[in-house]
Amino acid sequence: MAKPSALGERLKVARLAAGLSASGLSLAAGATRSVVQQIESGEIQAPRAELVGHLADTLGVSLDWLVFGRGGAPAPRSKTGTEG
């Protein structure tokens, strides 16, 4: 798989790896769904640093990877616990 080249692409990769919807990520990170979607689509290319930090923390990825693409991409999280 090609390395995601932009913040929005990396955000989407991390969100999907975490098994979150845009709504779920926005709630967990304290943002609006619209802002998350606009970052992912590239409409917002330079979001506030504080928000990017919250997104990285929420997704469990490094800020360095999310912003600059340095380091490894997140692996999909395995489902644990009870599944019914």
C-alpha atoms as a PDB file:
ATOM      1  CA  MET A   1       0.000   0.000   0.000  1.00  0.00           C
ATOM      2  CA  ALA A   2       1.270   3.484  -0.843  1.00  0.00           C
ATOM      3  CA  LYS A   3       2.236   5.741   2.010  1.00  0.00           C
ATOM      4  CA  PRO A   4      -0.481   8.385   2.592  1.00  0.00           C
ATOM      5  CA  SER A   5       0.943  11.705   1.423  1.00  0.00           C
ATOM      6  CA  ALA A   6      -1.223  14.290   3.121  1.00  0.00           C
ATOM      7  CA  LEU A   7      -2.550  14.984   6.593  1.00  0.00           C
ATOM      8  CA  GLY A   8      -6.121  14.244   5.513  1.00  0.00           C
ATOM      9  CA  GLU A   9      -5.166  10.916   3.974  1.00  0.00           C
ATOM     10  CA  ARG A  10      -3.210   9.894   7.079  1.00  0.00           C
ATOM     11  CA  LEU A  11      -6.078  10.963   9.318  1.00  0.00           C
ATOM     12  CA  LYS A  12      -8.463   8.738   7.375  1.00  0.00           C
ATOM     13  CA  VAL A  13      -6.024   5.793   7.442  1.00  0.00           C
ATOM     14  CA  ALA A  14      -5.645   6.135  11.220  1.00  0.00           C
ATOM     15  CA  ARG A  15      -9.387   6.571  11.767  1.00  0.00           C
ATOM     16  CA  LEU A  16     -10.208   3.463   9.758  1.00  0.00           C
ATOM     17  CA  ALA A  17      -7.432   1.483  11.470  1.00  0.00           C
ATOM     18  CA  ALA A  18      -8.980   2.483  14.802  1.00  0.00           C
ATOM     19  CA  GLY A  19     -12.383   1.311  13.597  1.00  0.00           C
ATOM     20  CA  LEU A  20     -13.968   4.736  14.051  1.00  0.00           C
ATOM     21  CA  SER A  21     -16.466   6.631  11.955  1.00  0.00           C
ATOM     22  CA  ALA A  22     -15.914  10.335  11.309  1.00  0.00           C
ATOM     23  CA  SER A  23     -18.659  10.983  13.873  1.00  0.00           C
ATOM     24  CA  GLY A  24     -17.029   8.705  16.442  1.00  0.00           C
ATOM     25  CA  LEU A  25     -13.643  10.364  15.999  1.00  0.00           C
ATOM     26  CA  SER A  26     -15.123  13.835  16.183  1.00  0.00           C
ATOM     27  CA  LEU A  27     -16.914  13.048  19.452  1.00  0.00           C
ATOM     28  CA  ALA A  28     -13.824  11.482  21.006  1.00  0.00           C
ATOM     29  CA  ALA A  29     -11.506  14.310  19.915  1.00  0.00           C
ATOM     30  CA  GLY A  30     -13.831  17.215  20.664  1.00  0.00           C
ATOM     31  CA  ALA A  31     -14.299  18.331  17.079  1.00  0.00           C
ATOM     32  CA  THR A  32     -17.247  18.470  14.737  1.00  0.00           C
ATOM     33  CA  ARG A  33     -17.845  15.722  12.193  1.00  0.00           C
ATOM     34  CA  SER A  34     -17.752  18.381   9.488  1.00  0.00           C
ATOM     35  CA  VAL A  35     -14.241  19.476  10.480  1.00  0.00           C
ATOM     36  CA  VAL A  36     -12.970  15.880  10.519  1.00  0.00           C
ATOM     37  CA  GLN A  37     -14.461  15.297   7.065  1.00  0.00           C
ATOM     38  CA  GLN A  38     -13.017  18.573   5.738  1.00  0.00           C
ATOM     39  CA  ILE A  39      -9.538  17.643   6.980  1.00  0.00           C
ATOM     40  CA  GLU A  40      -9.810  14.181   5.418  1.00  0.00           C
ATOM     41  CA  SER A  41     -10.952  15.608   2.085  1.00  0.00           C
ATOM     42  CA  GLY A  42      -8.169  18.197   2.038  1.00  0.00           C
ATOM     43  CA  GLU A  43     -10.568  21.115   2.237  1.00  0.00           C
ATOM     44  CA  ILE A  44      -8.871  22.103   5.503  1.00  0.00           C
ATOM     45  CA  GLN A  45      -5.139  21.637   4.981  1.00  0.00           C
ATOM     46  CA  ALA A  46      -3.808  23.378   8.085  1.00  0.00           C
ATOM     47  CA  PRO A  47      -6.089  22.702  11.064  1.00  0.00           C
ATOM     48  CA  ARG A  48      -5.312  24.129  14.485  1.00  0.00           C
ATOM     49  CA  ALA A  49      -2.343  22.449  16.125  1.00  0.00           C
ATOM     50  CA  GLU A  50      -4.353  21.752  19.272  1.00  0.00           C
ATOM     51  CA  LEU A  51      -6.967  19.858  17.257  1.00  0.00           C
ATOM     52  CA  VAL A  52      -4.348  17.819  15.413  1.00  0.00           C
ATOM     53  CA  GLY A  53      -2.829  16.891  18.772  1.00  0.00           C
ATOM     54  CA  HIS A  54      -6.225  15.742  20.073  1.00  0.00           C
ATOM     55  CA  LEU A  55      -6.817  13.715  16.903  1.00  0.00           C
ATOM     56  CA  ALA A  56      -3.409  12.011  17.181  1.00  0.00           C
ATOM     57  CA  ASP A  57      -3.968  11.219  20.874  1.00  0.00           C
ATOM     58  CA  THR A  58      -7.468   9.898  20.231  1.00  0.00           C
ATOM     59  CA  LEU A  59      -6.249   7.658  17.406  1.00  0.00           C
ATOM     60  CA  GLY A  60      -3.154   6.482  19.263  1.00  0.00           C
ATOM     61  CA  VAL A  61      -0.760   7.646  16.539  1.00  0.00           C
ATOM     62  CA  SER A  62       2.253   9.885  16.803  1.00  0.00           C
ATOM     63  CA  LEU A  63       1.814  13.531  15.977  1.00  0.00           C
ATOM     64  CA  ASP A  64       4.931  13.225  13.822  1.00  0.00           C
ATOM     65  CA  TRP A  65       3.294  10.523  11.685  1.00  0.00           C
ATOM     66  CA  LEU A  66      -0.054  12.299  11.448  1.00  0.00           C
ATOM     67  CA  VAL A  67       1.420  15.647  10.405  1.00  0.00           C
ATOM     68  CA  PHE A  68       4.542  14.662   8.473  1.00  0.00           C
ATOM     69  CA  GLY A  69       4.140  10.981   7.631  1.00  0.00           C
ATOM     70  CA  ARG A  70       7.361  10.058   9.439  1.00  0.00           C
ATOM     71  CA  GLY A  71       7.407   6.609  10.980  1.00  0.00           C
ATOM     72  CA  GLY A  72       5.065   3.705  10.492  1.00  0.00           C
ATOM     73  CA  ALA A  73       1.381   3.860   9.719  1.00  0.00           C
ATOM     74  CA  PRO A  74      -0.999   2.508  12.342  1.00  0.00           C
ATOM     75  CA  ALA A  75      -1.951  -1.141  12.119  1.00  0.00           C
ATOM     76  CA  PRO A  76      -5.633  -2.000  12.251  1.00  0.00           C
ATOM     77  CA  ARG A  77      -6.682  -2.636  15.826  1.00  0.00           C
ATOM     78  CA  SER A  78      -7.798  -6.134  16.533  1.00  0.00           C
ATOM     79  CA  LYS A  79     -11.166  -6.606  18.165  1.00  0.00           C
ATOM     80  CA  THR A  80     -10.892  -7.995  21.655  1.00  0.00           C
ATOM     81  CA  GLY A  81     -13.341  -8.741  24.395  1.00  0.00           C
ATOM     82  CA  THR A  82     -16.743 -10.223  23.960  1.00  0.00           C
ATOM     83  CA  GLU A  83     -18.257 -10.283  20.539  1.00  0.00           C
ATOM     84  CA  GLY A  84     -21.760 -11.425  20.065  1.00  0.00           C
END
